Amino acid sequence: MSTQEKVLIVEDEENERSGLAELVSAWGYRTDTAKDGLEGLEKVATWSPGIVVTDFKMPRMDGMELLQRLSDQPQQIAVVLLTAQGSIDVAVDAMKAGAYDFIQKPVDPARLRQILQNASRQRGTTVELEVTKKKLRDTGVFGQMVGSSRPMQEIFHLIEMVAPSTASVLITGESGTGKEMVARTIHDLSPRKNKPFVAINCSAIPETLIESEIFGHEKGAFTGAMERRAGCFELAEEGTLLLDEIGEMPAATQAKLLRVLEDRKLRRLGSKVETPVDVRVLAATNKVPEEAVAKGELRGDLYYRLNVFNIHLPPLRDHKEDIPQLVDALLADMNAKHGRKVAGVADHVLQMFQNHNWPGNVRELRNTMERGVIVCDGTLLDQRHLPPNFGNMGVRVPASDGEGIRLEVGTTVGEAEKMLILKTLAANNNNKTRAAEVLGISLKTLHNKLKEYGSASAVASDGA
C-alpha cells in the first residue's frame, strides 16, 4: 500500500513507540512519534497528521486529554486510542468524546491496519459531507430523511456527527418512526458507504435460528445444516450491520454478540476457528432500553457497549409541521414506484393529516400515501382515496355496545391510543390483520403495541 497519509504515534514506552512507528511505516504511511500528549500536541501543530494513534496512560498529558485538545483543532484528525485489556469503560468514554476508534493492547496488527485504512477513507468523505450539510440547510433533506422541524434538525445534527466515526449507535423510538432509515443514512454518510449495509430484525427470526443467521454455521452444525453459510456479520464485512429490535434477541445470543463486539472476532456455529470481522454495528429498539435492562430483556453490558451514541426519534405527532414536506417526498416516491402521475394532495386531506394522531408514525403515513396513489383516479389525492374511516381511526363498535371510546380529562395520548387499539381489535373479533387495516398501521406495529400492553389480545388470530 502506498499512501501520503500522516500518522502520529504517541506512546511513552520507547520500545512500543518505535515498534508501532516501524509497523505503520511498513504499510506505506508517513509516521512521526511523540513521547506524551504535550509533545503530541506540538507535533500536530507543526506536522499536521491526519491520524493520531495515542496511548491512554502517559505522563504530563494522557490520551483522553490529548483527544479533548485535538477536538478543538480546526483540521479533522482521526484519533485512535490504545487501551489496556478490559478497559471497555475508557474506550466507551473516548468514543463519546470523539475518538475515531480504539484498540486494546497488545496491539493486533491486522486490526490496527484495518482501522488506519478506514480512517483514511473517512477523510475522503469530508467534502461530500459538507455538500450534504448544505443540502440540509437549504431544503430540510438529509440523505433519505426529510424534515425541517427542530426535532428533526437535531436528529440530522446527531447523524452528521456520528456518521464518519466507527462508534456503535443505539437508535430508539416508537415503531414506524424511521429507525432503519436513520441507520441507512449513517451508513451512506460514513467511509463504509460503498460496502454492504445489512439489516436483520431480531424479532422476526425464530430463537432456534437467530444465532445461525447472525454468526453463520458450518456444514453439519445442526440438523438441516447441509452446507456452510455466512451469517450477517460476514455478509456485512467492511460495512454496516443493523440489529433491529435488539431487545427481542435471546439472552444467550446477546452474550455471544457482546463477545464479538469486544473481540472483533466470531466463530460460526460448529466451527473451532475464530474469524476476524470488520463491521460497524448499529442497533435499534422501540423499547425504552433502560426499562428493558431492568426487566432482563436486554443485557446491561451489551446495552452500554451498543449505547456509545444514542439517537432517539420523536413520534410523528410531535413534529406534525413536517407532514407537508413528508407528503411531497412520499408522493414523488410513490408516483415513481407505481408509475402514476398524482400531482398533489387536496387541502382538506392535508388538514386531515395534520389532525390525525398517527399511532403508526411515518410508516403509517407512507402506507396511507401509497394506498392513495394506487387507487387515485385523477391528478389530486382526495379523501375518497384514503383508507376507510380514516380520521376517526375506523373504530367499528358493535351496535350492542352502544358506546364509543370515552376519554376523560387527563387521559394521556398513550392511554388513548391503547384504548383505541384494543377497542378496534375487539370490534373486529380479535382479527389482527383486519384491525391493523382499520387502524391504518402495519401488522408488525400492531404486534409490537400489543406486546407493550401485555394484552391477552396478543394471541388473537392474524387472519380471518
Protein backbone atom coordinates (compact mmCIF):
# COMPACT_ATOMS: atom_id res chain seq x y z
CA MET A 1 0.00 0.00 0.00
CA SER A 2 1.27 3.45 -0.88
CA THR A 3 -0.24 6.48 0.86
CA GLN A 4 0.70 10.00 1.80
CA GLU A 5 -1.42 9.85 4.96
CA LYS A 6 0.46 11.05 8.05
CA VAL A 7 0.16 9.01 11.25
CA LEU A 8 1.47 10.30 14.59
CA ILE A 9 2.28 7.66 17.23
CA VAL A 10 2.00 8.98 20.81
CA GLU A 11 3.36 6.47 23.33
CA ASP A 12 5.51 6.89 26.45
CA GLU A 13 7.16 3.43 26.22
CA GLU A 14 10.07 3.84 23.81
CA ASN A 15 10.11 0.25 22.51
CA GLU A 16 6.37 0.22 21.84
CA ARG A 17 6.57 3.68 20.25
CA SER A 18 9.33 2.75 17.83
CA GLY A 19 7.78 -0.66 17.12
CA LEU A 20 4.43 0.85 16.19
CA ALA A 21 6.07 3.51 14.03
CA GLU A 22 8.07 0.87 12.17
CA LEU A 23 4.98 -1.28 11.65
CA VAL A 24 2.82 1.60 10.38
CA SER A 25 5.62 2.84 8.11
CA ALA A 26 5.86 -0.62 6.56
CA TRP A 27 2.23 -0.22 5.46
CA GLY A 28 3.13 2.88 3.46
CA TYR A 29 2.12 5.63 5.89
CA ARG A 30 4.31 8.59 6.77
CA THR A 31 4.97 8.42 10.52
CA ASP A 32 6.30 10.50 13.36
CA THR A 33 6.33 9.90 17.12
CA ALA A 34 5.82 11.71 20.43
CA LYS A 35 6.54 10.50 23.96
CA ASP A 36 3.44 12.03 25.61
CA GLY A 37 0.37 14.18 24.95
CA LEU A 38 2.15 17.52 25.25
CA GLU A 39 4.74 16.61 22.68
CA GLY A 40 1.95 15.14 20.58
CA LEU A 41 0.16 18.50 20.53
CA GLU A 42 3.36 20.20 19.38
CA LYS A 43 3.80 17.65 16.56
CA VAL A 44 0.20 18.14 15.47
CA ALA A 45 0.78 21.90 15.21
CA THR A 46 3.98 21.58 13.16
CA TRP A 47 3.47 18.35 11.20
CA SER A 48 -0.36 18.24 10.69
CA PRO A 49 -1.05 14.48 10.79
CA GLY A 50 -4.38 13.12 9.61
CA ILE A 51 -4.40 10.27 12.16
CA VAL A 52 -3.14 10.15 15.74
CA VAL A 53 -2.62 6.79 17.47
CA THR A 54 -2.23 7.51 21.18
CA ASP A 55 -1.78 5.52 24.37
CA PHE A 56 -4.23 6.26 27.16
CA LYS A 57 -1.94 6.33 30.22
CA MET A 58 1.00 8.73 29.81
CA PRO A 59 2.80 11.29 31.96
CA ARG A 60 2.19 15.06 31.67
CA MET A 61 -0.87 14.64 29.40
CA ASP A 62 -2.79 11.38 28.93
CA GLY A 63 -4.58 10.18 25.83
CA MET A 64 -8.02 11.39 26.90
CA GLU A 65 -6.84 14.94 27.47
CA LEU A 66 -4.98 14.85 24.16
CA LEU A 67 -8.19 13.72 22.45
CA GLN A 68 -10.12 16.60 24.00
CA ARG A 69 -7.45 19.12 22.99
CA LEU A 70 -7.38 17.77 19.42
CA SER A 71 -11.16 18.10 19.14
CA ASP A 72 -10.63 21.87 19.32
CA GLN A 73 -8.28 21.83 16.33
CA PRO A 74 -9.64 23.31 13.06
CA GLN A 75 -8.39 20.35 11.00
CA GLN A 76 -10.15 16.98 11.18
CA ILE A 77 -7.93 14.43 12.93
CA ALA A 78 -8.90 10.79 13.45
CA VAL A 79 -7.79 9.76 16.95
CA VAL A 80 -7.26 6.05 17.72
CA LEU A 81 -6.88 5.27 21.43
CA LEU A 82 -4.73 2.41 22.77
CA THR A 83 -6.28 0.93 25.93
CA ALA A 84 -5.39 -1.81 28.40
CA GLN A 85 -7.21 -5.14 28.30
CA GLY A 86 -10.66 -4.90 29.86
CA SER A 87 -10.79 -1.09 29.78
CA ILE A 88 -14.11 -1.03 27.97
CA ASP A 89 -15.38 1.93 30.06
CA VAL A 90 -12.39 4.01 29.00
CA ALA A 91 -12.96 3.08 25.37
CA VAL A 92 -16.66 3.99 25.51
CA ASP A 93 -15.86 7.35 27.11
CA ALA A 94 -13.27 8.00 24.41
CA MET A 95 -15.75 7.25 21.62
CA LYS A 96 -18.27 9.59 23.19
CA ALA A 97 -15.57 12.26 23.38
CA GLY A 98 -14.92 11.96 19.64
CA ALA A 99 -12.31 9.21 19.22
CA TYR A 100 -12.42 7.54 15.81
CA ASP A 101 -11.81 4.09 17.27
CA PHE A 102 -9.92 2.20 19.97
CA ILE A 103 -7.75 -0.90 20.09
CA GLN A 104 -6.71 -2.93 23.10
CA LYS A 105 -3.13 -3.76 23.99
CA PRO A 106 -1.23 -5.80 22.99
CA VAL A 107 -2.00 -4.33 19.58
CA ASP A 108 -3.35 -6.70 16.94
CA PRO A 109 -1.54 -5.57 13.74
CA ALA A 110 -4.36 -6.68 11.42
CA ARG A 111 -6.91 -4.77 13.49
CA LEU A 112 -4.74 -1.63 13.60
CA ARG A 113 -4.15 -1.75 9.86
CA GLN A 114 -7.89 -2.01 9.21
CA ILE A 115 -8.59 0.95 11.49
CA LEU A 116 -5.99 3.09 9.70
CA GLN A 117 -7.43 2.16 6.30
CA ASN A 118 -10.94 3.06 7.46
CA ALA A 119 -9.75 6.35 8.95
CA SER A 120 -8.05 7.26 5.68
CA ARG A 121 -11.27 6.56 3.78
CA GLN A 122 -13.19 8.70 6.26
CA ARG A 123 -11.11 11.75 5.43
CA GLY A 124 -12.06 11.34 1.78
CA THR A 125 -15.75 11.79 2.62
CA THR A 126 -15.34 15.25 4.18
CA VAL A 127 -16.18 17.24 1.03
CA GLU A 128 -19.23 15.10 0.28
CA LEU A 129 -20.48 15.53 3.84
CA GLU A 130 -20.18 19.31 3.54
CA VAL A 131 -22.33 19.20 0.40
CA THR A 132 -24.91 17.16 2.30
CA LYS A 133 -24.90 19.67 5.15
CA LYS A 134 -25.62 22.49 2.69
CA LYS A 135 -28.47 20.49 1.21
CA LEU A 136 -29.83 20.03 4.72
CA ARG A 137 -29.66 23.75 5.48
CA ASP A 138 -31.28 24.70 2.16
CA THR A 139 -34.03 22.09 1.79
CA GLY A 140 -34.50 20.13 5.00
CA VAL A 141 -33.42 16.91 3.26
CA PHE A 142 -30.77 14.71 4.82
CA GLY A 143 -29.92 11.54 2.95
CA GLN A 144 -33.22 9.67 2.65
CA MET A 145 -34.74 11.64 5.53
CA VAL A 146 -36.98 14.71 5.38
CA GLY A 147 -37.86 17.33 7.97
CA SER A 148 -37.35 21.00 8.73
CA SER A 149 -38.74 20.92 12.28
CA ARG A 150 -36.44 21.47 15.24
CA PRO A 151 -36.69 17.82 16.44
CA MET A 152 -35.65 16.50 13.01
CA GLN A 153 -32.91 19.10 12.61
CA GLU A 154 -31.47 17.87 15.91
CA ILE A 155 -31.60 14.28 14.65
CA PHE A 156 -29.79 15.30 11.46
CA HIS A 157 -27.11 17.04 13.51
CA LEU A 158 -26.53 13.89 15.58
CA ILE A 159 -26.28 11.76 12.45
CA GLU A 160 -23.86 14.25 10.94
CA MET A 161 -21.61 13.99 13.99
CA VAL A 162 -21.58 10.23 14.39
CA ALA A 163 -21.63 9.03 10.76
CA PRO A 164 -17.90 9.45 9.99
CA SER A 165 -16.81 7.53 13.11
CA THR A 166 -16.88 3.81 13.88
CA ALA A 167 -18.89 4.27 17.09
CA SER A 168 -21.79 1.95 17.82
CA VAL A 169 -25.15 3.73 17.76
CA LEU A 170 -28.35 2.76 19.57
CA ILE A 171 -31.39 4.12 17.71
CA THR A 172 -34.58 4.31 19.78
CA GLY A 173 -38.13 5.39 19.11
CA GLU A 174 -41.65 4.10 18.54
CA SER A 175 -42.41 1.66 15.74
CA GLY A 176 -42.62 3.40 12.37
CA THR A 177 -40.53 6.46 13.26
CA GLY A 178 -37.81 5.60 10.75
CA LYS A 179 -35.08 3.88 12.77
CA GLU A 180 -33.83 1.82 9.83
CA MET A 181 -33.74 4.94 7.66
CA VAL A 182 -31.51 6.62 10.28
CA ALA A 183 -29.22 3.59 10.18
CA ARG A 184 -29.05 3.70 6.38
CA THR A 185 -28.29 7.43 6.44
CA ILE A 186 -25.46 6.86 8.93
CA HIS A 187 -24.08 4.18 6.61
CA ASP A 188 -24.44 6.32 3.49
CA LEU A 189 -22.55 9.20 5.11
CA SER A 190 -19.78 7.02 6.51
CA PRO A 191 -16.50 5.81 4.97
CA ARG A 192 -18.22 2.42 4.64
CA LYS A 193 -20.86 3.72 2.22
CA ASN A 194 -19.59 1.62 -0.71
CA LYS A 195 -19.62 -1.56 1.38
CA PRO A 196 -22.66 -3.68 2.36
CA PHE A 197 -25.49 -2.46 4.58
CA VAL A 198 -27.18 -5.48 6.19
CA ALA A 199 -30.28 -5.22 8.39
CA ILE A 200 -31.72 -8.05 10.46
CA ASN A 201 -34.91 -7.94 12.53
CA CYS A 202 -34.25 -9.89 15.72
CA SER A 203 -37.98 -10.24 16.47
CA ALA A 204 -38.75 -11.86 13.11
CA ILE A 205 -36.37 -14.83 13.41
CA PRO A 206 -37.15 -17.95 15.48
CA GLU A 207 -34.93 -18.32 18.55
CA THR A 208 -33.56 -21.61 17.20
CA LEU A 209 -32.24 -19.93 14.04
CA ILE A 210 -31.10 -16.50 15.15
CA GLU A 211 -27.52 -17.47 16.05
CA SER A 212 -27.06 -19.10 12.67
CA GLU A 213 -28.48 -16.01 10.93
CA ILE A 214 -26.15 -13.65 12.77
CA PHE A 215 -22.94 -15.67 13.14
CA GLY A 216 -23.29 -18.25 10.34
CA HIS A 217 -22.76 -22.02 10.57
CA GLU A 218 -20.65 -24.86 9.24
CA LYS A 219 -21.97 -27.84 7.33
CA GLY A 220 -23.42 -30.34 9.79
CA ALA A 221 -23.51 -27.88 12.69
CA PHE A 222 -27.13 -28.89 13.34
CA THR A 223 -29.91 -30.89 11.72
CA GLY A 224 -30.64 -29.35 8.33
CA ALA A 225 -27.29 -27.55 8.01
CA MET A 226 -26.46 -29.02 4.59
CA GLU A 227 -23.72 -26.54 3.74
CA ARG A 228 -21.58 -23.79 5.21
CA ARG A 229 -23.44 -20.49 5.46
CA ALA A 230 -22.14 -17.00 6.17
CA GLY A 231 -24.03 -15.03 8.81
CA CYS A 232 -24.96 -11.35 8.81
CA PHE A 233 -21.61 -10.30 10.27
CA GLU A 234 -19.70 -11.84 7.38
CA LEU A 235 -22.20 -10.52 4.83
CA ALA A 236 -21.65 -7.02 6.22
CA GLU A 237 -17.84 -7.25 6.21
CA GLU A 238 -16.27 -3.78 6.00
CA GLY A 239 -19.79 -2.35 6.00
CA THR A 240 -22.60 -1.78 8.49
CA LEU A 241 -24.87 -4.22 10.33
CA LEU A 242 -28.18 -3.05 11.81
CA LEU A 243 -29.63 -5.25 14.57
CA ASP A 244 -33.25 -4.13 14.65
CA GLU A 245 -35.40 -4.87 17.72
CA ILE A 246 -32.28 -5.80 19.70
CA GLY A 247 -34.40 -6.21 22.84
CA GLU A 248 -36.03 -9.29 21.28
CA MET A 249 -32.71 -11.13 20.91
CA PRO A 250 -32.40 -14.22 23.18
CA ALA A 251 -30.11 -13.78 26.20
CA ALA A 252 -27.62 -16.43 25.06
CA THR A 253 -27.27 -14.76 21.67
CA GLN A 254 -26.79 -11.38 23.36
CA ALA A 255 -23.83 -12.81 25.30
CA LYS A 256 -22.21 -14.10 22.10
CA LEU A 257 -22.85 -10.78 20.36
CA LEU A 258 -21.12 -8.91 23.18
CA ARG A 259 -18.07 -11.15 22.79
CA VAL A 260 -17.91 -10.44 19.06
CA LEU A 261 -18.22 -6.68 19.62
CA GLU A 262 -15.38 -6.71 22.15
CA ASP A 263 -13.00 -9.12 20.37
CA ARG A 264 -13.94 -8.26 16.76
CA LYS A 265 -13.86 -11.99 16.04
CA LEU A 266 -16.65 -14.52 15.53
CA ARG A 267 -16.98 -18.26 15.44
CA ARG A 268 -19.57 -19.85 13.15
CA LEU A 269 -21.80 -22.48 14.75
CA GLY A 270 -19.97 -25.80 14.53
CA SER A 271 -16.58 -24.21 13.89
CA LYS A 272 -13.46 -24.22 16.08
CA VAL A 273 -11.88 -21.31 14.22
CA GLU A 274 -12.37 -17.63 15.05
CA THR A 275 -12.72 -15.28 12.08
CA PRO A 276 -11.78 -11.57 12.35
CA VAL A 277 -14.60 -9.21 11.40
CA ASP A 278 -14.61 -5.52 10.50
CA VAL A 279 -18.22 -4.43 10.85
CA ARG A 280 -19.81 -1.32 12.29
CA VAL A 281 -22.77 -2.38 14.41
CA LEU A 282 -25.89 -0.24 14.82
CA ALA A 283 -28.84 -1.36 16.95
CA ALA A 284 -32.45 -0.25 17.15
CA THR A 285 -35.32 -0.82 19.55
CA ASN A 286 -38.82 0.51 20.09
CA LYS A 287 -38.48 -0.19 23.81
CA VAL A 288 -37.14 2.13 26.47
CA PRO A 289 -33.70 0.49 26.78
CA GLU A 290 -33.26 1.24 30.49
CA GLU A 291 -36.60 -0.46 31.18
CA ALA A 292 -35.60 -3.43 29.01
CA VAL A 293 -32.38 -3.78 31.02
CA ALA A 294 -34.31 -3.59 34.30
CA LYS A 295 -36.70 -6.32 33.08
CA GLY A 296 -33.81 -8.56 31.99
CA GLU A 297 -34.78 -8.35 28.33
CA LEU A 298 -31.54 -6.61 27.38
CA ARG A 299 -28.16 -7.34 28.95
CA GLY A 300 -26.78 -4.31 30.76
CA ASP A 301 -23.23 -4.82 29.49
CA LEU A 302 -24.46 -5.17 25.90
CA TYR A 303 -26.59 -2.05 26.28
CA TYR A 304 -23.60 0.00 27.45
CA ARG A 305 -21.47 -1.40 24.63
CA LEU A 306 -24.06 -0.50 21.98
CA ASN A 307 -25.09 2.81 23.51
CA VAL A 308 -21.86 4.64 22.76
CA PHE A 309 -24.07 7.11 20.90
CA ASN A 310 -27.85 7.34 21.19
CA ILE A 311 -30.29 8.78 18.66
CA HIS A 312 -33.92 8.96 19.80
CA LEU A 313 -36.53 9.52 17.10
CA PRO A 314 -39.64 11.55 18.04
CA PRO A 315 -43.10 10.23 17.10
CA LEU A 316 -44.72 11.95 14.14
CA ARG A 317 -47.35 13.53 16.40
CA ASP A 318 -44.53 15.58 17.97
CA HIS A 319 -43.36 17.13 14.69
CA LYS A 320 -46.50 17.45 12.58
CA GLU A 321 -45.09 20.57 10.94
CA ASP A 322 -43.02 18.18 8.80
CA ILE A 323 -46.11 16.46 7.36
CA PRO A 324 -46.48 18.67 4.21
CA GLN A 325 -42.82 18.11 3.33
CA LEU A 326 -43.10 14.38 4.05
CA VAL A 327 -46.24 14.16 1.91
CA ASP A 328 -44.48 15.81 -1.05
CA ALA A 329 -41.50 13.45 -0.74
CA LEU A 330 -43.69 10.36 -0.37
CA LEU A 331 -45.88 11.41 -3.29
CA ALA A 332 -42.86 11.65 -5.57
CA ASP A 333 -41.60 8.30 -4.31
CA MET A 334 -44.94 6.51 -4.80
CA ASN A 335 -45.50 8.03 -8.25
CA ALA A 336 -42.13 6.67 -9.35
CA LYS A 337 -42.70 3.29 -7.68
CA HIS A 338 -46.14 2.68 -9.20
CA GLY A 339 -45.84 4.62 -12.45
CA ARG A 340 -48.54 7.13 -11.50
CA LYS A 341 -48.84 10.89 -12.07
CA VAL A 342 -50.70 12.13 -9.00
CA ALA A 343 -49.92 15.86 -8.91
CA GLY A 344 -50.74 16.62 -5.29
CA VAL A 345 -52.91 16.22 -2.22
CA ALA A 346 -56.17 18.10 -1.65
CA ASP A 347 -56.01 20.81 1.01
CA HIS A 348 -58.71 19.18 3.14
CA VAL A 349 -56.79 15.88 3.06
CA LEU A 350 -53.65 17.65 4.20
CA GLN A 351 -55.67 19.13 7.06
CA MET A 352 -56.94 15.65 7.94
CA PHE A 353 -53.31 14.51 8.05
CA GLN A 354 -52.49 17.36 10.42
CA ASN A 355 -55.39 16.41 12.71
CA HIS A 356 -54.57 12.69 12.72
CA ASN A 357 -52.61 11.24 15.67
CA TRP A 358 -50.50 8.82 13.54
CA PRO A 359 -50.01 5.95 16.01
CA GLY A 360 -48.06 4.17 13.27
CA ASN A 361 -45.87 7.25 12.74
CA VAL A 362 -44.13 7.87 9.39
CA ARG A 363 -44.67 4.26 8.33
CA GLU A 364 -48.42 4.75 8.67
CA LEU A 365 -48.21 7.97 6.62
CA ARG A 366 -46.22 6.12 3.96
CA ASN A 367 -48.78 3.29 3.81
CA THR A 368 -51.64 5.79 3.62
CA MET A 369 -49.94 7.70 0.79
CA GLU A 370 -49.12 4.52 -1.11
CA ARG A 371 -52.72 3.30 -0.96
CA GLY A 372 -53.94 6.72 -2.04
CA VAL A 373 -51.61 6.91 -5.05
CA ILE A 374 -52.57 3.39 -6.17
CA VAL A 375 -56.34 3.99 -6.08
CA CYS A 376 -56.29 7.64 -7.17
CA ASP A 377 -58.24 8.01 -10.42
CA GLY A 378 -57.30 11.64 -11.06
CA THR A 379 -54.47 14.07 -10.56
CA LEU A 380 -55.33 15.03 -6.97
CA LEU A 381 -55.37 12.67 -3.99
CA ASP A 382 -58.76 13.17 -2.30
CA GLN A 383 -60.49 11.85 0.81
CA ARG A 384 -62.11 9.00 -1.10
CA HIS A 385 -58.62 7.64 -1.81
CA LEU A 386 -57.79 7.27 1.89
CA PRO A 387 -58.36 4.09 3.94
CA PRO A 388 -62.00 3.59 5.06
CA ASN A 389 -62.96 5.77 8.03
CA PHE A 390 -59.59 7.49 8.05
CA GLY A 391 -59.58 10.32 10.54
CA ASN A 392 -61.59 8.63 13.26
CA MET A 393 -59.27 5.60 13.16
CA GLY A 394 -62.14 3.49 11.85
CA VAL A 395 -63.26 2.08 15.19
CA ARG A 396 -66.01 -0.41 14.47
CA VAL A 397 -68.07 -0.74 17.63
CA PRO A 398 -70.87 -3.34 17.65
CA ALA A 399 -74.35 -1.85 17.92
CA SER A 400 -74.97 -3.74 21.15
CA ASP A 401 -72.10 -1.87 22.74
CA GLY A 402 -73.86 1.43 22.35
CA GLU A 403 -70.76 3.45 23.14
CA GLY A 404 -67.54 4.51 21.54
CA ILE A 405 -64.40 5.42 23.43
CA ARG A 406 -64.91 7.87 26.25
CA LEU A 407 -61.91 9.93 27.25
CA GLU A 408 -61.70 11.83 30.48
CA VAL A 409 -59.71 14.99 31.11
CA GLY A 410 -56.16 13.95 31.97
CA THR A 411 -56.09 10.88 29.70
CA THR A 412 -52.65 10.66 28.12
CA VAL A 413 -52.06 10.13 24.40
CA GLY A 414 -50.57 6.72 25.16
CA GLU A 415 -53.63 5.66 27.21
CA ALA A 416 -55.99 6.88 24.48
CA GLU A 417 -54.01 5.01 21.87
CA LYS A 418 -54.15 1.80 23.90
CA MET A 419 -57.91 2.10 24.38
CA LEU A 420 -58.38 2.74 20.67
CA ILE A 421 -56.28 -0.23 19.58
CA LEU A 422 -57.86 -2.70 22.00
CA LYS A 423 -61.36 -1.44 21.17
CA THR A 424 -60.72 -1.79 17.44
CA LEU A 425 -59.33 -5.29 17.93
CA ALA A 426 -62.35 -6.36 19.94
CA ALA A 427 -64.74 -4.82 17.40
CA ASN A 428 -63.08 -6.87 14.65
CA ASN A 429 -63.39 -10.19 16.52
CA ASN A 430 -59.72 -10.13 17.55
CA ASN A 431 -58.57 -10.41 13.92
CA LYS A 432 -55.29 -8.51 13.97
CA THR A 433 -54.96 -8.20 10.20
CA ARG A 434 -58.36 -6.52 9.86
CA ALA A 435 -57.75 -4.38 12.94
CA ALA A 436 -54.43 -3.16 11.55
CA GLU A 437 -56.13 -2.22 8.27
CA VAL A 438 -58.84 -0.30 10.12
CA LEU A 439 -56.25 1.49 12.25
CA GLY A 440 -54.12 2.30 9.21
CA ILE A 441 -51.00 0.73 10.71
CA SER A 442 -48.84 -2.26 9.82
CA LEU A 443 -49.44 -5.69 11.33
CA LYS A 444 -45.95 -5.55 12.84
CA THR A 445 -46.77 -2.25 14.58
CA LEU A 446 -49.95 -3.80 16.00
CA HIS A 447 -47.99 -6.82 17.25
CA ASN A 448 -45.48 -4.53 18.94
CA LYS A 449 -48.19 -2.40 20.54
CA LEU A 450 -49.97 -5.46 21.93
CA LYS A 451 -46.70 -6.79 23.27
CA GLU A 452 -46.15 -3.47 25.06
CA TYR A 453 -49.62 -3.67 26.60
CA GLY A 454 -49.13 -7.29 27.67
CA SER A 455 -52.62 -7.83 26.36
CA ALA A 456 -54.37 -11.16 26.08
CA SER A 457 -55.33 -9.90 22.63
CA ALA A 458 -51.73 -10.52 21.61
CA VAL A 459 -52.73 -14.13 20.99
CA ALA A 460 -55.54 -13.13 18.64
CA SER A 461 -55.53 -14.53 15.13
CA ASP A 462 -53.61 -12.86 12.30
CA GLY A 463 -56.02 -13.91 9.58
CA ALA A 464 -59.73 -14.02 9.00
